[in-house]
Amino acid sequence: MRAKSLAHLFRCIETSAEFGAHLIGGPLFAPIGYLPGRRRTIDEWNWAIECFQELGEILDANEVTLSIEPVNRSETFFLMTAADARSLCDAISHPRVGVTIDTFHANIEEKNIANAMRSLGHCLRHVHASENDRGLLGSGHVDFPSIVTALQEIAYDGYLMIEGFGYAPEEVNSFGAVWGGLRVSPEDIAFGGGNYLRTLLQ
């Protein structure tokens, strides 16, 4: 299974490079929703390090960065916090391996999201800006002003990507149809959230 996963990551890196992409991000360490009912083992931790270290040459050859995303305890048992993600990246020890922080997941797992981002420093490669309910940015309790300040303090120069779920009645199987606010459209999430972030960045 680990060999198949490694081969899959090789193909993902090569395909991303063919598209002109320079970053792959996400919870690349285990399937989302895999919850064995226990904490990770030292063997699992070492296997993950070994796998990601195997990607160094192909990442360099394709000029692609891998950005590993911790997610909340309802979605994984393996990597949930910025501190854990930093430890994993430090152990992998390759300049093209870093961390993605999603503020939705961090809102559940971190004591202070801004401080978690500060603690990552140069390891932070990608940010998903998401409200605590995946709705319109600025409408919930995620402290985006402090987060933006923290990003500026660590001279973060990656993408600040909005990840939210708007309600679109014609997309009956989408996350927005299941969870989105009925009065918040995907366009609201994109354009309203973009305007909100621009105001904070200015």
N, C-alpha and C. Protein backbone atom coordinates (compact mmCIF):
# COMPACT_ATOMS: atom_id res chain seq x y z
N MET A 1 0.82 -1.20 0.00
CA MET A 1 0.00 0.00 0.00
C MET A 1 0.86 1.26 0.00
N ARG A 2 1.95 1.23 0.79
CA ARG A 2 2.84 2.40 0.81
C ARG A 2 3.52 2.59 -0.54
N ALA A 3 3.91 1.50 -1.18
CA ALA A 3 4.55 1.59 -2.50
C ALA A 3 3.58 2.17 -3.53
N LYS A 4 2.33 1.74 -3.47
CA LYS A 4 1.32 2.26 -4.39
C LYS A 4 1.08 3.75 -4.14
N SER A 5 1.06 4.15 -2.87
CA SER A 5 0.87 5.56 -2.53
C SER A 5 2.02 6.41 -3.06
N LEU A 6 3.23 5.90 -2.92
CA LEU A 6 4.40 6.62 -3.40
C LEU A 6 4.35 6.76 -4.92
N ALA A 7 3.98 5.69 -5.61
CA ALA A 7 3.88 5.76 -7.07
C ALA A 7 2.80 6.75 -7.49
N HIS A 8 1.71 6.80 -6.74
CA HIS A 8 0.64 7.76 -7.03
C HIS A 8 1.14 9.19 -6.87
N LEU A 9 1.91 9.45 -5.81
CA LEU A 9 2.45 10.80 -5.60
C LEU A 9 3.42 11.19 -6.71
N PHE A 10 4.22 10.23 -7.18
CA PHE A 10 5.10 10.50 -8.31
C PHE A 10 4.28 10.98 -9.52
N ARG A 11 3.19 10.26 -9.81
CA ARG A 11 2.35 10.63 -10.95
C ARG A 11 1.70 12.00 -10.74
N CYS A 12 1.27 12.28 -9.52
CA CYS A 12 0.67 13.58 -9.21
C CYS A 12 1.66 14.72 -9.45
N ILE A 13 2.89 14.53 -9.03
CA ILE A 13 3.92 15.56 -9.20
C ILE A 13 4.20 15.79 -10.67
N GLU A 14 4.37 14.71 -11.42
CA GLU A 14 4.66 14.84 -12.85
C GLU A 14 3.49 15.49 -13.59
N THR A 15 2.28 15.08 -13.26
CA THR A 15 1.10 15.64 -13.93
C THR A 15 0.91 17.11 -13.59
N SER A 16 1.13 17.46 -12.33
CA SER A 16 1.03 18.87 -11.93
C SER A 16 2.03 19.73 -12.69
N ALA A 17 3.24 19.22 -12.83
CA ALA A 17 4.26 19.95 -13.57
C ALA A 17 3.86 20.13 -15.03
N GLU A 18 3.25 19.10 -15.62
CA GLU A 18 2.79 19.20 -17.01
C GLU A 18 1.74 20.31 -17.17
N PHE A 19 0.93 20.52 -16.13
CA PHE A 19 -0.07 21.58 -16.15
C PHE A 19 0.53 22.96 -15.84
N GLY A 20 1.79 22.99 -15.44
CA GLY A 20 2.43 24.25 -15.09
C GLY A 20 2.27 24.62 -13.63
N ALA A 21 1.79 23.68 -12.81
CA ALA A 21 1.63 23.96 -11.38
C ALA A 21 2.96 23.78 -10.65
N HIS A 22 3.10 24.52 -9.55
CA HIS A 22 4.34 24.44 -8.77
C HIS A 22 4.09 24.04 -7.32
N LEU A 23 2.85 23.71 -6.99
CA LEU A 23 2.55 23.33 -5.61
C LEU A 23 1.42 22.31 -5.59
N ILE A 24 1.59 21.27 -4.79
CA ILE A 24 0.52 20.31 -4.49
C ILE A 24 0.29 20.36 -2.99
N GLY A 25 -0.94 20.59 -2.58
CA GLY A 25 -1.23 20.69 -1.16
C GLY A 25 -2.37 19.79 -0.76
N GLY A 26 -2.43 19.47 0.52
CA GLY A 26 -3.53 18.69 1.04
C GLY A 26 -3.07 17.70 2.10
N PRO A 27 -4.01 16.95 2.64
CA PRO A 27 -3.68 15.92 3.65
C PRO A 27 -3.16 14.67 2.96
N LEU A 28 -1.91 14.71 2.54
CA LEU A 28 -1.34 13.69 1.67
C LEU A 28 -0.81 12.48 2.43
N PHE A 29 -1.05 12.43 3.72
CA PHE A 29 -0.45 11.40 4.58
C PHE A 29 -1.34 10.18 4.78
N ALA A 30 -2.67 10.33 4.61
CA ALA A 30 -3.60 9.23 4.86
C ALA A 30 -4.95 9.59 4.25
N PRO A 31 -5.80 8.61 3.98
CA PRO A 31 -7.12 8.93 3.43
C PRO A 31 -7.95 9.74 4.43
N ILE A 32 -8.64 10.76 3.94
CA ILE A 32 -9.55 11.52 4.79
C ILE A 32 -10.65 10.59 5.29
N GLY A 33 -10.92 10.66 6.57
CA GLY A 33 -11.95 9.82 7.17
C GLY A 33 -11.45 8.50 7.71
N TYR A 34 -10.14 8.20 7.50
CA TYR A 34 -9.58 6.98 8.08
C TYR A 34 -9.29 7.22 9.54
N LEU A 35 -10.08 6.61 10.41
CA LEU A 35 -9.99 6.82 11.86
C LEU A 35 -9.94 5.46 12.55
N PRO A 36 -8.73 4.95 12.81
CA PRO A 36 -8.61 3.60 13.37
C PRO A 36 -8.94 3.50 14.85
N GLY A 37 -9.28 4.62 15.50
CA GLY A 37 -9.64 4.56 16.91
C GLY A 37 -8.46 4.50 17.85
N ARG A 38 -7.33 5.03 17.42
CA ARG A 38 -6.12 5.07 18.24
C ARG A 38 -5.25 6.20 17.74
N ARG A 39 -4.21 6.52 18.50
CA ARG A 39 -3.22 7.49 18.05
C ARG A 39 -2.28 6.84 17.03
N ARG A 40 -1.59 7.69 16.28
CA ARG A 40 -0.63 7.14 15.32
C ARG A 40 0.49 6.44 16.06
N THR A 41 1.12 5.50 15.37
CA THR A 41 2.25 4.77 15.95
C THR A 41 3.55 5.37 15.45
N ILE A 42 4.64 5.05 16.12
CA ILE A 42 5.95 5.53 15.68
C ILE A 42 6.30 4.93 14.33
N ASP A 43 5.86 3.70 14.06
CA ASP A 43 6.10 3.11 12.74
C ASP A 43 5.40 3.93 11.66
N GLU A 44 4.15 4.30 11.89
CA GLU A 44 3.41 5.09 10.90
C GLU A 44 4.08 6.44 10.66
N TRP A 45 4.54 7.06 11.72
CA TRP A 45 5.25 8.34 11.61
C TRP A 45 6.51 8.17 10.75
N ASN A 46 7.29 7.15 11.04
CA ASN A 46 8.53 6.92 10.29
C ASN A 46 8.26 6.54 8.84
N TRP A 47 7.19 5.77 8.60
CA TRP A 47 6.84 5.42 7.23
C TRP A 47 6.49 6.66 6.42
N ALA A 48 5.77 7.60 7.05
CA ALA A 48 5.42 8.85 6.35
C ALA A 48 6.67 9.64 6.00
N ILE A 49 7.58 9.76 6.95
CA ILE A 49 8.83 10.47 6.70
C ILE A 49 9.59 9.82 5.55
N GLU A 50 9.71 8.50 5.61
CA GLU A 50 10.42 7.75 4.57
C GLU A 50 9.79 7.99 3.20
N CYS A 51 8.47 7.95 3.12
CA CYS A 51 7.76 8.15 1.86
C CYS A 51 8.04 9.54 1.28
N PHE A 52 7.86 10.57 2.09
CA PHE A 52 8.04 11.92 1.60
C PHE A 52 9.50 12.21 1.24
N GLN A 53 10.44 11.61 1.96
CA GLN A 53 11.85 11.79 1.60
C GLN A 53 12.16 11.19 0.23
N GLU A 54 11.44 10.15 -0.15
CA GLU A 54 11.64 9.53 -1.46
C GLU A 54 11.25 10.46 -2.61
N LEU A 55 10.50 11.52 -2.32
CA LEU A 55 10.00 12.41 -3.36
C LEU A 55 10.95 13.56 -3.68
N GLY A 56 12.03 13.68 -2.93
CA GLY A 56 12.90 14.85 -3.07
C GLY A 56 13.40 15.10 -4.48
N GLU A 57 13.92 14.08 -5.11
CA GLU A 57 14.50 14.27 -6.44
C GLU A 57 13.46 14.65 -7.48
N ILE A 58 12.29 14.01 -7.43
CA ILE A 58 11.27 14.32 -8.43
C ILE A 58 10.64 15.68 -8.18
N LEU A 59 10.57 16.11 -6.92
CA LEU A 59 10.11 17.47 -6.63
C LEU A 59 11.08 18.49 -7.21
N ASP A 60 12.37 18.27 -7.01
CA ASP A 60 13.39 19.18 -7.55
C ASP A 60 13.35 19.20 -9.08
N ALA A 61 13.27 18.02 -9.66
CA ALA A 61 13.32 17.93 -11.12
C ALA A 61 12.13 18.63 -11.77
N ASN A 62 10.98 18.64 -11.09
CA ASN A 62 9.77 19.24 -11.65
C ASN A 62 9.45 20.61 -11.06
N GLU A 63 10.31 21.09 -10.15
CA GLU A 63 10.11 22.39 -9.50
C GLU A 63 8.73 22.49 -8.87
N VAL A 64 8.38 21.44 -8.14
CA VAL A 64 7.09 21.37 -7.45
C VAL A 64 7.34 21.31 -5.95
N THR A 65 6.52 22.02 -5.19
CA THR A 65 6.56 21.98 -3.73
C THR A 65 5.38 21.16 -3.22
N LEU A 66 5.63 20.36 -2.21
CA LEU A 66 4.59 19.57 -1.56
C LEU A 66 4.23 20.28 -0.25
N SER A 67 2.95 20.58 -0.06
CA SER A 67 2.51 21.31 1.11
C SER A 67 1.49 20.46 1.88
N ILE A 68 1.92 19.93 3.01
CA ILE A 68 1.15 18.93 3.76
C ILE A 68 0.19 19.63 4.72
N GLU A 69 -1.08 19.25 4.66
CA GLU A 69 -2.13 19.94 5.41
C GLU A 69 -2.64 19.11 6.60
N PRO A 70 -2.43 19.59 7.82
CA PRO A 70 -3.08 18.94 8.96
C PRO A 70 -4.58 19.23 8.92
N VAL A 71 -5.37 18.24 9.30
CA VAL A 71 -6.83 18.42 9.32
C VAL A 71 -7.36 18.01 10.70
N ASN A 72 -8.63 18.29 10.93
CA ASN A 72 -9.16 18.13 12.28
C ASN A 72 -9.42 16.66 12.65
N ARG A 73 -9.64 16.45 13.91
CA ARG A 73 -9.74 15.11 14.50
C ARG A 73 -10.92 14.28 13.98
N SER A 74 -11.89 14.94 13.36
CA SER A 74 -13.00 14.19 12.77
C SER A 74 -12.64 13.62 11.41
N GLU A 75 -11.48 14.03 10.87
CA GLU A 75 -11.10 13.61 9.52
C GLU A 75 -9.81 12.81 9.46
N THR A 76 -9.01 12.87 10.53
CA THR A 76 -7.77 12.09 10.54
C THR A 76 -7.35 11.80 11.97
N PHE A 77 -6.51 10.80 12.12
CA PHE A 77 -5.86 10.50 13.40
C PHE A 77 -4.38 10.85 13.35
N PHE A 78 -3.88 11.24 12.17
CA PHE A 78 -2.43 11.25 11.97
C PHE A 78 -1.78 12.61 12.17
N LEU A 79 -2.35 13.68 11.62
CA LEU A 79 -1.69 14.99 11.65
C LEU A 79 -2.76 16.07 11.78
N MET A 80 -2.81 16.71 12.96
CA MET A 80 -3.91 17.64 13.23
C MET A 80 -3.47 19.08 13.50
N THR A 81 -2.24 19.29 13.93
CA THR A 81 -1.81 20.62 14.35
C THR A 81 -0.61 21.13 13.55
N ALA A 82 -0.43 22.44 13.61
CA ALA A 82 0.73 23.05 12.97
C ALA A 82 2.03 22.53 13.57
N ALA A 83 2.04 22.32 14.88
CA ALA A 83 3.25 21.83 15.54
C ALA A 83 3.64 20.45 15.03
N ASP A 84 2.63 19.58 14.88
CA ASP A 84 2.91 18.24 14.34
C ASP A 84 3.38 18.32 12.90
N ALA A 85 2.74 19.18 12.12
CA ALA A 85 3.13 19.33 10.71
C ALA A 85 4.55 19.86 10.60
N ARG A 86 4.91 20.80 11.47
CA ARG A 86 6.28 21.33 11.48
C ARG A 86 7.27 20.23 11.84
N SER A 87 6.92 19.39 12.82
CA SER A 87 7.81 18.29 13.21
C SER A 87 8.01 17.31 12.06
N LEU A 88 6.92 17.03 11.33
CA LEU A 88 7.02 16.12 10.19
C LEU A 88 7.93 16.72 9.11
N CYS A 89 7.72 18.00 8.80
CA CYS A 89 8.54 18.65 7.78
C CYS A 89 10.01 18.73 8.20
N ASP A 90 10.24 19.02 9.46
CA ASP A 90 11.63 19.06 9.94
C ASP A 90 12.29 17.70 9.80
N ALA A 91 11.53 16.63 10.06
CA ALA A 91 12.09 15.28 9.94
C ALA A 91 12.33 14.91 8.48
N ILE A 92 11.44 15.33 7.57
CA ILE A 92 11.62 15.06 6.14
C ILE A 92 12.83 15.83 5.62
N SER A 93 12.96 17.08 6.08
CA SER A 93 14.14 17.90 5.82
C SER A 93 14.45 18.07 4.34
N HIS A 94 13.45 18.55 3.61
CA HIS A 94 13.66 18.89 2.20
C HIS A 94 13.03 20.25 1.94
N PRO A 95 13.74 21.15 1.24
CA PRO A 95 13.22 22.51 1.06
C PRO A 95 11.93 22.60 0.25
N ARG A 96 11.59 21.56 -0.47
CA ARG A 96 10.35 21.59 -1.26
C ARG A 96 9.18 20.90 -0.54
N VAL A 97 9.32 20.65 0.74
CA VAL A 97 8.22 20.09 1.54
C VAL A 97 7.89 21.07 2.65
N GLY A 98 6.63 21.51 2.66
CA GLY A 98 6.19 22.48 3.65
C GLY A 98 4.79 22.15 4.16
N VAL A 99 4.12 23.18 4.68
CA VAL A 99 2.85 22.99 5.37
C VAL A 99 1.77 23.90 4.78
N THR A 100 0.56 23.34 4.64
CA THR A 100 -0.65 24.12 4.36
C THR A 100 -1.43 24.24 5.66
N ILE A 101 -1.91 25.43 5.95
CA ILE A 101 -2.83 25.61 7.08
C ILE A 101 -4.19 26.03 6.53
N ASP A 102 -5.21 25.30 6.93
CA ASP A 102 -6.60 25.61 6.62
C ASP A 102 -7.23 26.16 7.90
N THR A 103 -7.73 27.38 7.86
CA THR A 103 -8.21 28.02 9.09
C THR A 103 -9.47 27.34 9.64
N PHE A 104 -10.21 26.60 8.81
CA PHE A 104 -11.34 25.82 9.32
C PHE A 104 -10.85 24.73 10.26
N HIS A 105 -9.89 23.95 9.81
CA HIS A 105 -9.34 22.88 10.65
C HIS A 105 -8.59 23.47 11.85
N ALA A 106 -7.82 24.53 11.60
CA ALA A 106 -7.05 25.14 12.69
C ALA A 106 -7.97 25.72 13.76
N ASN A 107 -9.14 26.21 13.36
CA ASN A 107 -10.12 26.73 14.31
C ASN A 107 -10.54 25.66 15.33
N ILE A 108 -10.48 24.40 14.92
CA ILE A 108 -10.84 23.30 15.81
C ILE A 108 -9.65 22.84 16.65
N GLU A 109 -8.47 22.81 16.05
CA GLU A 109 -7.33 22.15 16.67
C GLU A 109 -6.31 23.08 17.35
N GLU A 110 -6.26 24.35 16.96
CA GLU A 110 -5.24 25.24 17.51
C GLU A 110 -5.80 26.11 18.63
N LYS A 111 -4.96 26.40 19.61
CA LYS A 111 -5.36 27.34 20.66
C LYS A 111 -5.41 28.76 20.12
N ASN A 112 -4.49 29.07 19.20
CA ASN A 112 -4.42 30.40 18.60
C ASN A 112 -3.89 30.23 17.17
N ILE A 113 -4.74 30.50 16.18
CA ILE A 113 -4.36 30.21 14.79
C ILE A 113 -3.20 31.10 14.35
N ALA A 114 -3.24 32.37 14.70
CA ALA A 114 -2.17 33.28 14.28
C ALA A 114 -0.82 32.82 14.84
N ASN A 115 -0.79 32.43 16.10
CA ASN A 115 0.47 31.96 16.68
C ASN A 115 0.93 30.65 16.05
N ALA A 116 -0.04 29.80 15.69
CA ALA A 116 0.33 28.55 15.00
C ALA A 116 1.01 28.87 13.68
N MET A 117 0.50 29.86 12.96
CA MET A 117 1.13 30.24 11.69
C MET A 117 2.51 30.84 11.91
N ARG A 118 2.63 31.67 12.94
CA ARG A 118 3.95 32.24 13.27
C ARG A 118 4.96 31.13 13.55
N SER A 119 4.50 30.08 14.24
CA SER A 119 5.42 29.01 14.63
C SER A 119 5.96 28.24 13.42
N LEU A 120 5.24 28.30 12.30
CA LEU A 120 5.68 27.60 11.10
C LEU A 120 6.76 28.35 10.34
N GLY A 121 6.72 29.69 10.41
CA GLY A 121 7.72 30.48 9.71
C GLY A 121 7.82 30.11 8.25
N HIS A 122 9.05 29.86 7.77
CA HIS A 122 9.28 29.57 6.36
C HIS A 122 8.67 28.24 5.91
N CYS A 123 8.27 27.38 6.86
CA CYS A 123 7.64 26.10 6.49
C CYS A 123 6.22 26.28 5.97
N LEU A 124 5.60 27.43 6.24
CA LEU A 124 4.24 27.67 5.77
C LEU A 124 4.28 28.00 4.28
N ARG A 125 3.66 27.14 3.45
CA ARG A 125 3.74 27.30 2.00
C ARG A 125 2.40 27.62 1.35
N HIS A 126 1.29 27.39 2.08
CA HIS A 126 -0.02 27.59 1.46
C HIS A 126 -1.05 27.80 2.57
N VAL A 127 -2.04 28.66 2.31
CA VAL A 127 -3.06 28.95 3.32
C VAL A 127 -4.44 28.84 2.69
N HIS A 128 -5.32 28.08 3.36
CA HIS A 128 -6.74 28.06 3.01
C HIS A 128 -7.46 28.96 4.00
N ALA A 129 -8.00 30.07 3.49
CA ALA A 129 -8.80 30.97 4.33
C ALA A 129 -10.23 30.44 4.33
N SER A 130 -10.69 30.01 5.49
CA SER A 130 -12.02 29.40 5.58
C SER A 130 -12.64 29.77 6.92
N GLU A 131 -13.89 30.18 6.89
CA GLU A 131 -14.60 30.55 8.11
C GLU A 131 -14.90 29.29 8.93
N ASN A 132 -15.24 29.47 10.20
CA ASN A 132 -15.46 28.32 11.08
C ASN A 132 -16.60 27.41 10.60
N ASP A 133 -17.53 27.95 9.78
CA ASP A 133 -18.61 27.13 9.22
C ASP A 133 -18.47 26.95 7.72
N ARG A 134 -17.31 27.26 7.18
CA ARG A 134 -17.01 27.22 5.74
C ARG A 134 -17.83 28.25 4.96
N GLY A 135 -18.41 29.21 5.66
CA GLY A 135 -19.24 30.22 5.01
C GLY A 135 -18.45 31.46 4.62
N LEU A 136 -19.15 32.58 4.52
CA LEU A 136 -18.56 33.83 4.07
C LEU A 136 -17.50 34.32 5.06
N LEU A 137 -16.31 34.61 4.55
CA LEU A 137 -15.23 35.09 5.41
C LEU A 137 -15.65 36.36 6.13
N GLY A 138 -15.32 36.42 7.42
CA GLY A 138 -15.67 37.59 8.22
C GLY A 138 -17.02 37.51 8.88
N SER A 139 -17.78 36.46 8.59
CA SER A 139 -19.12 36.34 9.18
C SER A 139 -19.13 35.46 10.42
N GLY A 140 -18.02 34.80 10.71
CA GLY A 140 -17.95 33.90 11.85
C GLY A 140 -16.96 34.37 12.89
N HIS A 141 -16.34 33.43 13.59
CA HIS A 141 -15.45 33.83 14.68
C HIS A 141 -13.97 33.55 14.43
N VAL A 142 -13.58 33.17 13.22
CA VAL A 142 -12.16 33.05 12.92
C VAL A 142 -11.55 34.45 12.87
N ASP A 143 -10.45 34.64 13.58
CA ASP A 143 -9.84 35.97 13.73
C ASP A 143 -8.91 36.26 12.55
N PHE A 144 -9.50 36.59 11.41
CA PHE A 144 -8.71 36.84 10.21
C PHE A 144 -7.80 38.06 10.32
N PRO A 145 -8.20 39.14 11.00
CA PRO A 145 -7.24 40.25 11.14
C PRO A 145 -5.92 39.82 11.79
N SER A 146 -6.00 39.02 12.85
CA SER A 146 -4.78 38.55 13.52
C SER A 146 -4.00 37.59 12.63
N ILE A 147 -4.72 36.78 11.87
CA ILE A 147 -4.08 35.83 10.97
C ILE A 147 -3.30 36.56 9.89
N VAL A 148 -3.92 37.58 9.29
CA VAL A 148 -3.24 38.35 8.25
C VAL A 148 -2.01 39.05 8.83
N THR A 149 -2.12 39.58 10.03
CA THR A 149 -0.97 40.21 10.68
C THR A 149 0.16 39.21 10.87
N ALA A 150 -0.18 38.00 11.31
CA ALA A 150 0.84 36.96 11.51
C ALA A 150 1.52 36.61 10.19
N LEU A 151 0.74 36.50 9.11
CA LEU A 151 1.31 36.19 7.80
C LEU A 151 2.28 37.28 7.36
N GLN A 152 1.91 38.53 7.61
CA GLN A 152 2.80 39.64 7.25
C GLN A 152 4.07 39.62 8.09
N GLU A 153 3.94 39.26 9.36
CA GLU A 153 5.11 39.23 10.25
C GLU A 153 6.13 38.17 9.82
N ILE A 154 5.66 37.05 9.30
CA ILE A 154 6.60 36.00 8.88
C ILE A 154 6.96 36.12 7.39
N ALA A 155 6.54 37.24 6.77
CA ALA A 155 6.83 37.51 5.36
C ALA A 155 6.34 36.39 4.45
N TYR A 156 5.15 35.90 4.75
CA TYR A 156 4.54 34.85 3.93
C TYR A 156 4.29 35.41 2.54
N ASP A 157 4.72 34.68 1.51
CA ASP A 157 4.54 35.17 0.15
C ASP A 157 3.84 34.15 -0.76
N GLY A 158 3.15 33.18 -0.13
CA GLY A 158 2.40 32.20 -0.90
C GLY A 158 0.98 32.66 -1.16
N TYR A 159 0.16 31.74 -1.63
CA TYR A 159 -1.24 32.05 -1.91
C TYR A 159 -2.07 32.08 -0.64
N LEU A 160 -3.08 32.94 -0.65
CA LEU A 160 -4.11 32.98 0.38
C LEU A 160 -5.40 32.64 -0.34
N MET A 161 -5.77 31.36 -0.28
CA MET A 161 -6.86 30.82 -1.09
C MET A 161 -8.13 30.68 -0.26
N ILE A 162 -9.26 31.11 -0.81
CA ILE A 162 -10.53 30.96 -0.10
C ILE A 162 -11.08 29.56 -0.33
N GLU A 163 -11.43 28.89 0.76
CA GLU A 163 -12.08 27.58 0.67
C GLU A 163 -13.38 27.66 1.47
N GLY A 164 -14.49 27.71 0.77
CA GLY A 164 -15.78 27.80 1.44
C GLY A 164 -16.85 27.11 0.62
N PHE A 165 -18.01 26.96 1.20
CA PHE A 165 -19.11 26.27 0.55
C PHE A 165 -20.32 27.18 0.45
N GLY A 166 -20.63 27.63 -0.77
CA GLY A 166 -21.84 28.41 -0.99
C GLY A 166 -22.97 27.52 -1.49
N TYR A 167 -24.20 27.98 -1.31
CA TYR A 167 -25.37 27.19 -1.68
C TYR A 167 -25.73 27.45 -3.14
N ALA A 168 -25.72 26.38 -3.94
CA ALA A 168 -26.14 26.44 -5.33
C ALA A 168 -27.18 25.34 -5.53
N PRO A 169 -28.47 25.68 -5.62
CA PRO A 169 -29.52 24.65 -5.64
C PRO A 169 -29.41 23.66 -6.79
N GLU A 170 -28.79 24.08 -7.88
CA GLU A 170 -28.67 23.15 -9.02
C GLU A 170 -27.57 22.11 -8.81
N GLU A 171 -26.69 22.31 -7.80
CA GLU A 171 -25.62 21.35 -7.52
C GLU A 171 -26.02 20.53 -6.29
N VAL A 172 -26.92 19.58 -6.52
CA VAL A 172 -27.58 18.91 -5.40
C VAL A 172 -26.65 18.01 -4.60
N ASN A 173 -25.52 17.60 -5.16
CA ASN A 173 -24.59 16.72 -4.45
C ASN A 173 -23.35 17.43 -3.93
N SER A 174 -23.36 18.76 -3.94
CA SER A 174 -22.18 19.51 -3.51
C SER A 174 -22.19 19.70 -2.00
N PHE A 175 -21.00 20.03 -1.46
CA PHE A 175 -20.91 20.36 -0.03
C PHE A 175 -21.77 21.57 0.30
N GLY A 176 -21.82 22.53 -0.62
CA GLY A 176 -22.63 23.71 -0.38
C GLY A 176 -24.11 23.38 -0.22
N ALA A 177 -24.59 22.42 -1.00
CA ALA A 177 -25.99 22.01 -0.89
C ALA A 177 -26.27 21.33 0.44
N VAL A 178 -25.27 20.69 0.99
CA VAL A 178 -25.43 19.99 2.27
C VAL A 178 -25.24 20.94 3.45
N TRP A 179 -24.18 21.78 3.39
CA TRP A 179 -23.78 22.58 4.54
C TRP A 179 -23.92 24.09 4.35
N GLY A 180 -23.97 24.55 3.12
CA GLY A 180 -23.90 26.00 2.88
C GLY A 180 -25.13 26.75 3.37
N GLY A 181 -24.91 28.01 3.75
CA GLY A 181 -26.04 28.87 4.09
C GLY A 181 -26.91 29.10 2.87
N LEU A 182 -28.21 28.98 3.02
CA LEU A 182 -29.12 29.05 1.87
C LEU A 182 -29.10 30.41 1.18
N ARG A 183 -28.62 31.44 1.88
CA ARG A 183 -28.59 32.77 1.29
C ARG A 183 -27.19 33.18 0.85
N VAL A 184 -26.26 32.25 0.91
CA VAL A 184 -24.87 32.54 0.53
C VAL A 184 -24.51 31.71 -0.70
N SER A 185 -24.25 32.37 -1.80
CA SER A 185 -23.95 31.66 -3.05
C SER A 185 -22.44 31.41 -3.16
N PRO A 186 -22.04 30.52 -4.07
CA PRO A 186 -20.60 30.36 -4.33
C PRO A 186 -19.94 31.68 -4.74
N GLU A 187 -20.68 32.51 -5.49
CA GLU A 187 -20.14 33.82 -5.90
C GLU A 187 -19.92 34.72 -4.69
N ASP A 188 -20.84 34.65 -3.71
CA ASP A 188 -20.65 35.43 -2.48
C ASP A 188 -19.37 35.00 -1.77
N ILE A 189 -19.17 33.68 -1.68
CA ILE A 189 -17.97 33.14 -1.02
C ILE A 189 -16.72 33.67 -1.70
N ALA A 190 -16.71 33.63 -3.04
CA ALA A 190 -15.52 34.03 -3.79
C ALA A 190 -15.30 35.53 -3.77
N PHE A 191 -16.30 36.29 -4.23
CA PHE A 191 -16.11 37.73 -4.39
C PHE A 191 -16.21 38.48 -3.07
N GLY A 192 -17.18 38.10 -2.23
CA GLY A 192 -17.28 38.73 -0.90
C GLY A 192 -16.06 38.43 -0.06
N GLY A 193 -15.62 37.17 -0.08
CA GLY A 193 -14.42 36.80 0.68
C GLY A 193 -13.18 37.49 0.15
N GLY A 194 -13.08 37.59 -1.16
CA GLY A 194 -11.92 38.27 -1.76
C GLY A 194 -11.86 39.73 -1.35
N ASN A 195 -13.00 40.40 -1.38
CA ASN A 195 -13.03 41.81 -0.97
C ASN A 195 -12.67 41.96 0.51
N TYR A 196 -13.15 41.04 1.33
CA TYR A 196 -12.85 41.08 2.77
C TYR A 196 -11.35 40.94 3.01
N LEU A 197 -10.72 39.96 2.33
CA LEU A 197 -9.29 39.76 2.51
C LEU A 197 -8.47 40.94 1.99
N ARG A 198 -8.90 41.52 0.86
CA ARG A 198 -8.18 42.70 0.34
C ARG A 198 -8.22 43.84 1.34
N THR A 199 -9.35 44.03 2.00
CA THR A 199 -9.46 45.09 3.00
C THR A 199 -8.46 44.84 4.13
N LEU A 200 -8.36 43.59 4.59
CA LEU A 200 -7.42 43.28 5.68
C LEU A 200 -5.97 43.46 5.22
N LEU A 201 -5.68 43.05 4.01
CA LEU A 201 -4.30 43.15 3.51
C LEU A 201 -3.85 44.59 3.31
N GLN A 202 -4.81 45.47 3.08
CA GLN A 202 -4.47 46.89 2.91
C GLN A 202 -4.31 47.60 4.24
